[in-house]
Amino acid sequence: MPSKSIPVPVKQNMPVENRATLPSLIGDEKIVQEIRPLPRLKTMWFISRIFSFLIFIIILVVFISVSRHSTTGGATWIFTLIMAFIGLILIWSIISIFLAYNWEYYWITNKRVVRRAGTIGHNFYSVPLERISDVMISRSFWEKIFGIGSLHIQTLAGQFSQQQGYGFSQRQGGIGAETALLALPNPEETQKLIMELVEAKRKREKLSF
């Protein structure tokens, strides 16, 4: 007898006019939920980036001041050049935050979890449900300050992988995580949904791992 699939209700948290372009679906794949990260993610990226730059600038100013007093001069133009360079990096960093947020979008289907991410261009990253071993809720220092939570998806094949840091990385997951869904409206509910889909797929396809 063919095994019966476990039905999972379709959930969508975005109005039709605000939904992103869907990724290519595979065969009988259906979208169960699609998610846009909370706008607070932009604010968190911006504040954390400014904070990092301020610390760097303070250290740089102290270093240049000490250098100027210990040399015969000639450090002023170097300091000006460095500050101009830092200013350009900061401007691009701020612009890239808004570009990155604009591309950030997630889909959960009956076969995989898909993340779209990028800055100028974009890529789709997907994790098949059968590869998912755990879904962890993250509330880092900055996430707690801004009242948001994210999901880090751990896979059987990527237990010891380490990709880019939190920031607004393109394939970020941290140690042991394949990817991450950032600043979710309801991370607990999404975590439960993904694990239910994983369990349903394993039962349907009789997977033992």
N, C-alpha and C. Protein backbone atom coordinates (compact mmCIF):
# COMPACT_ATOMS: atom_id res chain seq x y z
N MET A 1 0.84 -1.20 0.00
CA MET A 1 0.00 0.00 0.00
C MET A 1 0.87 1.24 0.00
N PRO A 2 0.52 2.24 -0.85
CA PRO A 2 1.32 3.47 -0.84
C PRO A 2 1.14 4.21 0.48
N SER A 3 2.23 4.80 0.96
CA SER A 3 2.16 5.51 2.24
C SER A 3 1.42 6.83 2.07
N LYS A 4 0.65 7.18 3.07
CA LYS A 4 -0.12 8.43 3.02
C LYS A 4 0.75 9.57 3.52
N SER A 5 0.70 10.68 2.80
CA SER A 5 1.48 11.84 3.22
C SER A 5 0.75 12.57 4.34
N ILE A 6 1.51 13.16 5.24
CA ILE A 6 0.93 13.91 6.35
C ILE A 6 0.64 15.33 5.88
N PRO A 7 -0.62 15.75 5.88
CA PRO A 7 -0.92 17.11 5.38
C PRO A 7 -0.39 18.18 6.33
N VAL A 8 0.17 19.23 5.73
CA VAL A 8 0.64 20.38 6.50
C VAL A 8 -0.06 21.61 5.96
N PRO A 9 -0.73 22.40 6.80
CA PRO A 9 -1.46 23.56 6.32
C PRO A 9 -0.54 24.60 5.69
N VAL A 10 -1.01 25.20 4.60
CA VAL A 10 -0.25 26.25 3.92
C VAL A 10 -0.37 27.54 4.69
N LYS A 11 0.77 28.19 4.97
CA LYS A 11 0.77 29.43 5.71
C LYS A 11 1.54 30.48 4.92
N GLN A 12 1.03 31.68 4.86
CA GLN A 12 1.73 32.77 4.18
C GLN A 12 1.58 34.02 5.02
N ASN A 13 2.70 34.70 5.26
CA ASN A 13 2.64 35.88 6.11
C ASN A 13 2.84 37.18 5.33
N MET A 14 2.75 37.11 3.98
CA MET A 14 2.94 38.29 3.16
C MET A 14 1.74 38.49 2.24
N PRO A 15 1.24 39.74 2.09
CA PRO A 15 0.20 40.01 1.11
C PRO A 15 0.70 39.67 -0.29
N VAL A 16 -0.21 39.34 -1.20
CA VAL A 16 0.17 38.93 -2.56
C VAL A 16 1.05 39.97 -3.23
N GLU A 17 0.72 41.26 -3.09
CA GLU A 17 1.47 42.30 -3.79
C GLU A 17 2.89 42.48 -3.27
N ASN A 18 3.18 41.97 -2.06
CA ASN A 18 4.51 42.13 -1.47
C ASN A 18 5.36 40.87 -1.57
N ARG A 19 4.85 39.82 -2.18
CA ARG A 19 5.61 38.59 -2.26
C ARG A 19 6.72 38.68 -3.30
N ALA A 20 7.83 38.01 -3.02
CA ALA A 20 8.97 38.03 -3.91
C ALA A 20 8.77 37.02 -5.04
N THR A 21 9.61 37.14 -6.07
CA THR A 21 9.59 36.18 -7.16
C THR A 21 9.92 34.79 -6.63
N LEU A 22 9.10 33.82 -6.96
CA LEU A 22 9.26 32.48 -6.42
C LEU A 22 10.43 31.76 -7.08
N PRO A 23 11.14 30.92 -6.35
CA PRO A 23 12.19 30.11 -6.97
C PRO A 23 11.56 29.02 -7.83
N SER A 24 12.37 28.42 -8.68
CA SER A 24 11.86 27.33 -9.52
C SER A 24 11.48 26.15 -8.64
N LEU A 25 10.27 25.65 -8.84
CA LEU A 25 9.80 24.51 -8.04
C LEU A 25 10.12 23.20 -8.76
N ILE A 26 10.30 22.14 -7.98
CA ILE A 26 10.72 20.85 -8.52
C ILE A 26 9.54 19.89 -8.50
N GLY A 27 9.11 19.45 -9.68
CA GLY A 27 8.04 18.45 -9.76
C GLY A 27 6.77 18.88 -9.06
N ASP A 28 6.34 18.08 -8.07
CA ASP A 28 5.11 18.36 -7.34
C ASP A 28 5.36 19.22 -6.09
N GLU A 29 6.46 19.94 -6.07
CA GLU A 29 6.80 20.79 -4.92
C GLU A 29 5.78 21.91 -4.76
N LYS A 30 5.41 22.16 -3.50
CA LYS A 30 4.46 23.24 -3.19
C LYS A 30 5.03 24.12 -2.09
N ILE A 31 4.77 25.40 -2.19
CA ILE A 31 5.22 26.35 -1.17
C ILE A 31 4.26 26.28 0.02
N VAL A 32 4.82 26.01 1.19
CA VAL A 32 4.03 25.92 2.42
C VAL A 32 4.01 27.28 3.13
N GLN A 33 5.14 27.95 3.13
CA GLN A 33 5.21 29.27 3.78
C GLN A 33 6.29 30.11 3.11
N GLU A 34 6.03 31.39 2.98
CA GLU A 34 7.04 32.32 2.48
C GLU A 34 7.15 33.48 3.47
N ILE A 35 8.37 33.95 3.68
CA ILE A 35 8.64 34.87 4.78
C ILE A 35 9.57 36.00 4.34
N ARG A 36 9.18 37.22 4.66
CA ARG A 36 10.06 38.38 4.54
C ARG A 36 10.59 38.71 5.93
N PRO A 37 11.92 38.88 6.11
CA PRO A 37 12.45 39.23 7.43
C PRO A 37 11.85 40.54 7.94
N LEU A 38 11.78 40.69 9.25
CA LEU A 38 11.25 41.91 9.85
C LEU A 38 12.12 43.11 9.48
N PRO A 39 11.53 44.29 9.26
CA PRO A 39 12.29 45.50 8.92
C PRO A 39 13.34 45.87 9.97
N ARG A 40 13.13 45.39 11.21
CA ARG A 40 14.12 45.67 12.27
C ARG A 40 15.50 45.09 11.94
N LEU A 41 15.53 44.13 11.01
CA LEU A 41 16.81 43.55 10.61
C LEU A 41 17.72 44.62 10.01
N LYS A 42 17.13 45.52 9.21
CA LYS A 42 17.92 46.62 8.63
C LYS A 42 18.50 47.51 9.71
N THR A 43 17.67 47.84 10.70
CA THR A 43 18.14 48.69 11.80
C THR A 43 19.25 48.02 12.58
N MET A 44 19.09 46.71 12.84
CA MET A 44 20.12 45.98 13.57
C MET A 44 21.43 45.96 12.80
N TRP A 45 21.37 45.67 11.50
CA TRP A 45 22.57 45.68 10.68
C TRP A 45 23.24 47.06 10.72
N PHE A 46 22.41 48.11 10.59
CA PHE A 46 22.94 49.48 10.54
C PHE A 46 23.63 49.85 11.86
N ILE A 47 22.94 49.65 12.98
CA ILE A 47 23.50 50.03 14.29
C ILE A 47 24.74 49.22 14.61
N SER A 48 24.70 47.91 14.37
CA SER A 48 25.86 47.07 14.67
C SER A 48 27.05 47.44 13.79
N ARG A 49 26.78 47.82 12.54
CA ARG A 49 27.87 48.23 11.65
C ARG A 49 28.47 49.57 12.09
N ILE A 50 27.60 50.53 12.46
CA ILE A 50 28.08 51.83 12.93
C ILE A 50 28.89 51.66 14.22
N PHE A 51 28.40 50.81 15.10
CA PHE A 51 29.09 50.56 16.37
C PHE A 51 30.50 50.01 16.11
N SER A 52 30.60 49.07 15.18
CA SER A 52 31.91 48.50 14.84
C SER A 52 32.84 49.55 14.26
N PHE A 53 32.30 50.41 13.40
CA PHE A 53 33.11 51.46 12.80
C PHE A 53 33.57 52.47 13.84
N LEU A 54 32.71 52.81 14.78
CA LEU A 54 33.09 53.77 15.83
C LEU A 54 34.24 53.23 16.68
N ILE A 55 34.16 51.96 17.03
CA ILE A 55 35.25 51.35 17.81
C ILE A 55 36.55 51.39 17.02
N PHE A 56 36.45 51.04 15.72
CA PHE A 56 37.65 51.05 14.87
C PHE A 56 38.23 52.46 14.75
N ILE A 57 37.37 53.46 14.57
CA ILE A 57 37.83 54.84 14.41
C ILE A 57 38.49 55.35 15.70
N ILE A 58 37.90 55.01 16.85
CA ILE A 58 38.49 55.44 18.13
C ILE A 58 39.89 54.86 18.29
N ILE A 59 40.04 53.57 17.98
CA ILE A 59 41.36 52.93 18.07
C ILE A 59 42.34 53.59 17.09
N LEU A 60 41.85 53.88 15.88
CA LEU A 60 42.70 54.50 14.87
C LEU A 60 43.14 55.90 15.28
N VAL A 61 42.22 56.70 15.83
CA VAL A 61 42.54 58.06 16.26
C VAL A 61 43.59 58.04 17.37
N VAL A 62 43.42 57.13 18.32
CA VAL A 62 44.40 57.01 19.40
C VAL A 62 45.76 56.63 18.84
N PHE A 63 45.78 55.69 17.91
CA PHE A 63 47.04 55.24 17.32
C PHE A 63 47.73 56.36 16.55
N ILE A 64 46.94 57.11 15.76
CA ILE A 64 47.52 58.21 14.97
C ILE A 64 48.03 59.31 15.90
N SER A 65 47.28 59.61 16.97
CA SER A 65 47.70 60.66 17.91
C SER A 65 49.03 60.31 18.56
N VAL A 66 49.16 59.05 18.96
CA VAL A 66 50.43 58.61 19.56
C VAL A 66 51.55 58.68 18.54
N SER A 67 51.26 58.30 17.30
CA SER A 67 52.28 58.32 16.24
C SER A 67 52.73 59.73 15.93
N ARG A 68 51.81 60.69 15.93
CA ARG A 68 52.14 62.08 15.61
C ARG A 68 53.06 62.68 16.67
N HIS A 69 52.85 62.30 17.94
CA HIS A 69 53.68 62.83 19.01
C HIS A 69 55.05 62.16 19.08
N SER A 70 55.17 61.00 18.46
CA SER A 70 56.43 60.28 18.53
C SER A 70 57.26 60.39 17.26
N THR A 71 56.72 61.15 16.25
CA THR A 71 57.45 61.35 15.00
C THR A 71 57.62 62.83 14.74
N THR A 72 58.32 63.14 13.67
CA THR A 72 58.61 64.55 13.33
C THR A 72 57.53 65.17 12.46
N GLY A 73 56.43 64.55 12.28
CA GLY A 73 55.35 65.10 11.46
C GLY A 73 55.14 64.26 10.21
N GLY A 74 54.24 64.71 9.35
CA GLY A 74 53.97 64.00 8.10
C GLY A 74 52.88 62.97 8.22
N ALA A 75 52.27 62.84 9.42
CA ALA A 75 51.22 61.83 9.61
C ALA A 75 49.83 62.37 9.34
N THR A 76 49.72 63.73 9.22
CA THR A 76 48.39 64.33 9.05
C THR A 76 47.73 63.88 7.76
N TRP A 77 48.48 63.93 6.65
CA TRP A 77 47.88 63.56 5.36
C TRP A 77 47.54 62.07 5.31
N ILE A 78 48.34 61.26 6.01
CA ILE A 78 48.03 59.83 6.08
C ILE A 78 46.73 59.61 6.84
N PHE A 79 46.56 60.34 7.96
CA PHE A 79 45.34 60.24 8.75
C PHE A 79 44.13 60.67 7.92
N THR A 80 44.27 61.78 7.18
CA THR A 80 43.18 62.28 6.33
C THR A 80 42.81 61.25 5.26
N LEU A 81 43.82 60.65 4.65
CA LEU A 81 43.58 59.65 3.62
C LEU A 81 42.87 58.42 4.18
N ILE A 82 43.32 58.00 5.35
CA ILE A 82 42.70 56.83 5.98
C ILE A 82 41.24 57.12 6.34
N MET A 83 40.97 58.30 6.89
CA MET A 83 39.61 58.67 7.28
C MET A 83 38.70 58.77 6.06
N ALA A 84 39.24 59.29 4.94
CA ALA A 84 38.45 59.38 3.71
C ALA A 84 38.10 57.97 3.20
N PHE A 85 39.07 57.08 3.29
CA PHE A 85 38.86 55.70 2.86
C PHE A 85 37.81 55.02 3.74
N ILE A 86 37.90 55.25 5.05
CA ILE A 86 36.93 54.68 5.99
C ILE A 86 35.53 55.24 5.69
N GLY A 87 35.47 56.55 5.37
CA GLY A 87 34.19 57.17 5.04
C GLY A 87 33.54 56.51 3.84
N LEU A 88 34.32 56.22 2.80
CA LEU A 88 33.79 55.56 1.60
C LEU A 88 33.29 54.15 1.93
N ILE A 89 34.06 53.44 2.74
CA ILE A 89 33.64 52.09 3.15
C ILE A 89 32.33 52.15 3.93
N LEU A 90 32.21 53.14 4.81
CA LEU A 90 31.00 53.28 5.63
C LEU A 90 29.79 53.60 4.75
N ILE A 91 29.97 54.48 3.77
CA ILE A 91 28.86 54.83 2.86
C ILE A 91 28.39 53.59 2.10
N TRP A 92 29.37 52.83 1.55
CA TRP A 92 29.01 51.61 0.82
C TRP A 92 28.35 50.59 1.75
N SER A 93 28.86 50.51 2.96
CA SER A 93 28.31 49.57 3.93
C SER A 93 26.84 49.86 4.21
N ILE A 94 26.52 51.15 4.37
CA ILE A 94 25.13 51.54 4.63
C ILE A 94 24.24 51.23 3.44
N ILE A 95 24.73 51.55 2.24
CA ILE A 95 23.95 51.27 1.02
C ILE A 95 23.72 49.77 0.87
N SER A 96 24.79 48.98 1.13
CA SER A 96 24.68 47.54 0.96
C SER A 96 23.71 46.90 1.95
N ILE A 97 23.53 47.52 3.10
CA ILE A 97 22.55 47.02 4.08
C ILE A 97 21.15 47.03 3.48
N PHE A 98 20.78 48.14 2.85
CA PHE A 98 19.45 48.24 2.26
C PHE A 98 19.31 47.32 1.04
N LEU A 99 20.39 47.19 0.26
CA LEU A 99 20.35 46.27 -0.88
C LEU A 99 20.19 44.83 -0.41
N ALA A 100 20.96 44.48 0.63
CA ALA A 100 20.92 43.10 1.15
C ALA A 100 19.54 42.77 1.72
N TYR A 101 18.95 43.72 2.46
CA TYR A 101 17.63 43.46 3.03
C TYR A 101 16.58 43.29 1.94
N ASN A 102 16.72 44.06 0.88
CA ASN A 102 15.75 43.98 -0.22
C ASN A 102 15.73 42.59 -0.86
N TRP A 103 16.90 41.91 -0.89
CA TRP A 103 16.97 40.59 -1.50
C TRP A 103 16.62 39.47 -0.52
N GLU A 104 16.72 39.74 0.77
CA GLU A 104 16.54 38.68 1.77
C GLU A 104 15.09 38.18 1.80
N TYR A 105 14.90 36.90 1.53
CA TYR A 105 13.54 36.34 1.48
C TYR A 105 13.64 34.82 1.62
N TYR A 106 12.59 34.21 2.19
CA TYR A 106 12.64 32.77 2.47
C TYR A 106 11.37 32.07 2.02
N TRP A 107 11.55 30.84 1.57
CA TRP A 107 10.43 29.97 1.24
C TRP A 107 10.61 28.63 1.94
N ILE A 108 9.54 28.10 2.46
CA ILE A 108 9.53 26.74 3.01
C ILE A 108 8.56 25.94 2.16
N THR A 109 9.05 24.87 1.55
CA THR A 109 8.19 24.05 0.70
C THR A 109 8.06 22.66 1.32
N ASN A 110 7.30 21.81 0.65
CA ASN A 110 7.15 20.44 1.14
C ASN A 110 8.37 19.58 0.82
N LYS A 111 9.42 20.19 0.21
CA LYS A 111 10.63 19.44 -0.12
C LYS A 111 11.92 20.07 0.40
N ARG A 112 11.92 21.38 0.65
CA ARG A 112 13.16 22.04 1.02
C ARG A 112 12.89 23.39 1.66
N VAL A 113 13.96 23.98 2.20
CA VAL A 113 13.94 25.35 2.70
C VAL A 113 14.83 26.17 1.78
N VAL A 114 14.30 27.27 1.28
CA VAL A 114 15.01 28.09 0.29
C VAL A 114 15.25 29.48 0.85
N ARG A 115 16.48 29.96 0.67
CA ARG A 115 16.82 31.33 1.05
C ARG A 115 17.33 32.08 -0.16
N ARG A 116 16.78 33.28 -0.39
CA ARG A 116 17.30 34.17 -1.42
C ARG A 116 18.09 35.27 -0.73
N ALA A 117 19.31 35.51 -1.17
CA ALA A 117 20.16 36.52 -0.53
C ALA A 117 21.10 37.12 -1.56
N GLY A 118 21.55 38.33 -1.29
CA GLY A 118 22.49 38.98 -2.19
C GLY A 118 22.67 40.43 -1.82
N THR A 119 23.45 41.14 -2.61
CA THR A 119 23.62 42.58 -2.41
C THR A 119 23.28 43.30 -3.70
N ILE A 120 24.16 43.20 -4.69
CA ILE A 120 23.83 43.77 -6.00
C ILE A 120 23.07 42.72 -6.81
N GLY A 121 23.63 41.54 -6.92
CA GLY A 121 22.92 40.41 -7.50
C GLY A 121 22.35 39.56 -6.38
N HIS A 122 21.83 38.40 -6.72
CA HIS A 122 21.30 37.53 -5.68
C HIS A 122 21.46 36.07 -6.07
N ASN A 123 21.39 35.20 -5.06
CA ASN A 123 21.47 33.75 -5.26
C ASN A 123 20.37 33.08 -4.44
N PHE A 124 20.02 31.87 -4.86
CA PHE A 124 19.11 31.05 -4.09
C PHE A 124 19.91 29.91 -3.44
N TYR A 125 19.69 29.71 -2.14
CA TYR A 125 20.33 28.62 -1.41
C TYR A 125 19.22 27.74 -0.85
N SER A 126 19.32 26.44 -1.10
CA SER A 126 18.26 25.55 -0.63
C SER A 126 18.83 24.38 0.14
N VAL A 127 18.06 23.92 1.12
CA VAL A 127 18.42 22.76 1.93
C VAL A 127 17.27 21.75 1.85
N PRO A 128 17.49 20.59 1.26
CA PRO A 128 16.43 19.57 1.21
C PRO A 128 16.01 19.15 2.62
N LEU A 129 14.73 18.90 2.80
CA LEU A 129 14.22 18.54 4.12
C LEU A 129 14.89 17.29 4.69
N GLU A 130 15.19 16.31 3.81
CA GLU A 130 15.76 15.06 4.31
C GLU A 130 17.19 15.25 4.86
N ARG A 131 17.83 16.37 4.54
CA ARG A 131 19.18 16.62 5.04
C ARG A 131 19.18 17.36 6.38
N ILE A 132 18.04 17.90 6.77
CA ILE A 132 17.98 18.71 7.99
C ILE A 132 18.00 17.81 9.23
N SER A 133 18.96 18.09 10.12
CA SER A 133 19.05 17.32 11.36
C SER A 133 18.54 18.11 12.56
N ASP A 134 18.61 19.43 12.48
CA ASP A 134 18.14 20.26 13.60
C ASP A 134 17.88 21.67 13.11
N VAL A 135 16.98 22.36 13.79
CA VAL A 135 16.67 23.76 13.51
C VAL A 135 16.77 24.51 14.84
N MET A 136 17.76 25.39 14.93
CA MET A 136 18.05 26.08 16.19
C MET A 136 17.60 27.53 16.15
N ILE A 137 16.99 27.99 17.23
CA ILE A 137 16.60 29.39 17.34
C ILE A 137 17.77 30.19 17.89
N SER A 138 18.08 31.30 17.22
CA SER A 138 19.20 32.15 17.64
C SER A 138 18.68 33.49 18.13
N ARG A 139 19.18 33.91 19.28
CA ARG A 139 18.93 35.27 19.77
C ARG A 139 20.25 35.80 20.31
N SER A 140 21.04 36.36 19.41
CA SER A 140 22.36 36.88 19.77
C SER A 140 22.21 38.19 20.55
N PHE A 141 23.35 38.79 20.92
CA PHE A 141 23.35 40.06 21.66
C PHE A 141 22.54 41.12 20.93
N TRP A 142 22.83 41.32 19.64
CA TRP A 142 22.12 42.34 18.87
C TRP A 142 20.67 41.95 18.63
N GLU A 143 20.41 40.67 18.42
CA GLU A 143 19.03 40.21 18.20
C GLU A 143 18.17 40.45 19.43
N LYS A 144 18.74 40.24 20.62
CA LYS A 144 17.99 40.49 21.85
C LYS A 144 17.67 41.97 22.00
N ILE A 145 18.63 42.83 21.67
CA ILE A 145 18.43 44.27 21.77
C ILE A 145 17.27 44.72 20.88
N PHE A 146 17.20 44.16 19.67
CA PHE A 146 16.18 44.58 18.71
C PHE A 146 14.95 43.68 18.72
N GLY A 147 14.92 42.72 19.63
CA GLY A 147 13.73 41.90 19.81
C GLY A 147 13.40 41.02 18.62
N ILE A 148 14.42 40.42 18.01
CA ILE A 148 14.16 39.52 16.88
C ILE A 148 14.83 38.18 17.15
N GLY A 149 14.41 37.18 16.39
CA GLY A 149 14.99 35.85 16.49
C GLY A 149 15.19 35.26 15.11
N SER A 150 16.18 34.39 14.96
CA SER A 150 16.48 33.77 13.69
C SER A 150 16.56 32.26 13.86
N LEU A 151 16.51 31.56 12.74
CA LEU A 151 16.66 30.11 12.75
C LEU A 151 17.94 29.72 12.03
N HIS A 152 18.69 28.81 12.65
CA HIS A 152 19.89 28.26 12.03
C HIS A 152 19.62 26.80 11.72
N ILE A 153 19.74 26.45 10.45
CA ILE A 153 19.39 25.10 10.00
C ILE A 153 20.64 24.25 9.90
N GLN A 154 20.66 23.19 10.70
CA GLN A 154 21.79 22.27 10.74
C GLN A 154 21.46 21.05 9.89
N THR A 155 22.46 20.58 9.12
CA THR A 155 22.22 19.44 8.24
C THR A 155 23.11 18.27 8.62
N LEU A 156 22.73 17.10 8.13
CA LEU A 156 23.50 15.89 8.38
C LEU A 156 24.87 15.96 7.72
N ALA A 157 24.94 16.62 6.56
CA ALA A 157 26.21 16.69 5.82
C ALA A 157 27.07 17.85 6.27
N GLY A 158 26.50 18.80 7.01
CA GLY A 158 27.26 19.99 7.37
C GLY A 158 27.44 20.20 8.84
N GLN A 159 27.59 19.13 9.60
CA GLN A 159 27.70 19.22 11.05
C GLN A 159 28.87 20.10 11.49
N PHE A 160 29.95 20.07 10.73
CA PHE A 160 31.15 20.80 11.15
C PHE A 160 31.52 21.90 10.15
N SER A 161 30.55 22.28 9.32
CA SER A 161 30.83 23.35 8.36
C SER A 161 30.81 24.69 9.07
N GLN A 162 31.57 25.63 8.55
CA GLN A 162 31.55 26.99 9.08
C GLN A 162 31.56 27.94 7.91
N GLN A 163 30.48 28.72 7.79
CA GLN A 163 30.39 29.66 6.70
C GLN A 163 30.51 31.06 7.26
N GLN A 164 30.08 32.07 6.52
CA GLN A 164 30.29 33.45 6.92
C GLN A 164 29.56 33.78 8.20
N GLY A 165 30.02 34.83 8.90
CA GLY A 165 29.43 35.25 10.16
C GLY A 165 28.07 35.86 9.98
N TYR A 166 27.47 36.34 11.06
CA TYR A 166 26.06 36.77 11.00
C TYR A 166 25.87 37.90 10.01
N GLY A 167 26.38 39.09 10.31
CA GLY A 167 26.35 40.21 9.37
C GLY A 167 25.14 40.17 8.48
N PHE A 168 25.37 40.34 7.16
CA PHE A 168 24.32 40.00 6.23
C PHE A 168 24.93 39.09 5.18
N SER A 169 25.47 37.96 5.68
CA SER A 169 26.15 36.99 4.84
C SER A 169 25.18 36.32 3.88
N GLN A 170 25.72 35.72 2.84
CA GLN A 170 24.90 35.14 1.80
C GLN A 170 24.53 33.69 2.08
N ARG A 171 25.42 32.94 2.76
CA ARG A 171 25.13 31.54 3.03
C ARG A 171 25.27 31.26 4.51
N GLN A 172 25.10 32.25 5.32
CA GLN A 172 25.47 32.18 6.73
C GLN A 172 24.72 31.11 7.50
N GLY A 173 25.45 30.46 8.39
CA GLY A 173 24.81 29.54 9.30
C GLY A 173 25.62 29.42 10.56
N GLY A 174 26.90 29.76 10.51
CA GLY A 174 27.77 29.59 11.66
C GLY A 174 28.24 28.15 11.75
N ILE A 175 28.90 27.81 12.84
CA ILE A 175 29.46 26.47 13.00
C ILE A 175 28.34 25.42 13.04
N GLY A 176 28.44 24.45 12.14
CA GLY A 176 27.48 23.35 12.11
C GLY A 176 26.16 23.67 11.45
N ALA A 177 25.99 24.87 10.88
CA ALA A 177 24.72 25.24 10.27
C ALA A 177 24.91 25.48 8.78
N GLU A 178 23.94 25.01 8.01
CA GLU A 178 23.99 25.13 6.56
C GLU A 178 23.55 26.52 6.10
N THR A 179 22.50 27.03 6.70
CA THR A 179 22.00 28.35 6.34
C THR A 179 21.21 28.91 7.51
N ALA A 180 20.72 30.14 7.37
CA ALA A 180 19.96 30.78 8.44
C ALA A 180 18.81 31.58 7.85
N LEU A 181 17.72 31.62 8.59
CA LEU A 181 16.56 32.46 8.25
C LEU A 181 16.53 33.56 9.30
N LEU A 182 16.78 34.79 8.87
CA LEU A 182 17.03 35.89 9.80
C LEU A 182 15.77 36.68 10.12
N ALA A 183 15.70 37.16 11.36
CA ALA A 183 14.66 38.10 11.81
C ALA A 183 13.25 37.65 11.42
N LEU A 184 12.89 36.46 11.84
CA LEU A 184 11.57 35.90 11.50
C LEU A 184 10.48 36.51 12.38
N PRO A 185 9.28 36.70 11.83
CA PRO A 185 8.17 37.22 12.64
C PRO A 185 7.82 36.31 13.81
N ASN A 186 7.91 34.99 13.59
CA ASN A 186 7.61 34.02 14.65
C ASN A 186 8.54 32.83 14.51
N PRO A 187 9.78 32.93 15.04
CA PRO A 187 10.76 31.85 14.85
C PRO A 187 10.32 30.52 15.45
N GLU A 188 9.62 30.53 16.58
CA GLU A 188 9.17 29.28 17.20
C GLU A 188 8.19 28.54 16.30
N GLU A 189 7.26 29.28 15.73
CA GLU A 189 6.26 28.66 14.84
C GLU A 189 6.92 28.11 13.58
N THR A 190 7.86 28.88 13.02
CA THR A 190 8.55 28.44 11.81
C THR A 190 9.42 27.23 12.09
N GLN A 191 10.08 27.22 13.24
CA GLN A 191 10.89 26.07 13.64
C GLN A 191 10.02 24.81 13.71
N LYS A 192 8.87 24.93 14.35
CA LYS A 192 7.95 23.80 14.48
C LYS A 192 7.47 23.32 13.11
N LEU A 193 7.15 24.25 12.22
CA LEU A 193 6.68 23.90 10.88
C LEU A 193 7.75 23.12 10.11
N ILE A 194 8.99 23.59 10.15
CA ILE A 194 10.06 22.91 9.42
C ILE A 194 10.27 21.50 9.95
N MET A 195 10.29 21.35 11.27
CA MET A 195 10.51 20.02 11.85
C MET A 195 9.34 19.08 11.54
N GLU A 196 8.12 19.62 11.46
CA GLU A 196 6.97 18.80 11.09
C GLU A 196 7.10 18.33 9.63
N LEU A 197 7.56 19.23 8.76
CA LEU A 197 7.76 18.88 7.35
C LEU A 197 8.87 17.84 7.20
N VAL A 198 9.94 18.01 7.97
CA VAL A 198 11.05 17.03 7.94
C VAL A 198 10.54 15.66 8.36
N GLU A 199 9.80 15.62 9.46
CA GLU A 199 9.26 14.34 9.96
C GLU A 199 8.30 13.72 8.96
N ALA A 200 7.46 14.55 8.34
CA ALA A 200 6.49 14.03 7.36
C ALA A 200 7.20 13.44 6.15
N LYS A 201 8.25 14.12 5.69
CA LYS A 201 8.98 13.62 4.52
C LYS A 201 9.71 12.32 4.84
N ARG A 202 10.27 12.23 6.03
CA ARG A 202 10.98 11.00 6.42
C ARG A 202 10.02 9.81 6.53
N LYS A 203 8.83 10.07 7.07
CA LYS A 203 7.84 8.99 7.18
C LYS A 203 7.32 8.60 5.81
N ARG A 204 7.08 9.61 4.97
CA ARG A 204 6.55 9.34 3.64
C ARG A 204 7.53 8.54 2.78
N GLU A 205 8.82 8.87 2.90
CA GLU A 205 9.83 8.22 2.08
C GLU A 205 10.57 7.11 2.85
N LYS A 206 10.12 6.84 4.10
CA LYS A 206 10.68 5.77 4.94
C LYS A 206 12.19 5.94 5.13
N LEU A 207 12.59 7.16 5.48
CA LEU A 207 14.00 7.44 5.75
C LEU A 207 14.26 7.22 7.23
N SER A 208 15.34 6.57 7.57
CA SER A 208 15.61 6.21 8.95
C SER A 208 16.57 7.18 9.66
N PHE A 209 17.25 8.07 8.91
CA PHE A 209 18.22 8.96 9.55
C PHE A 209 17.57 10.24 9.99
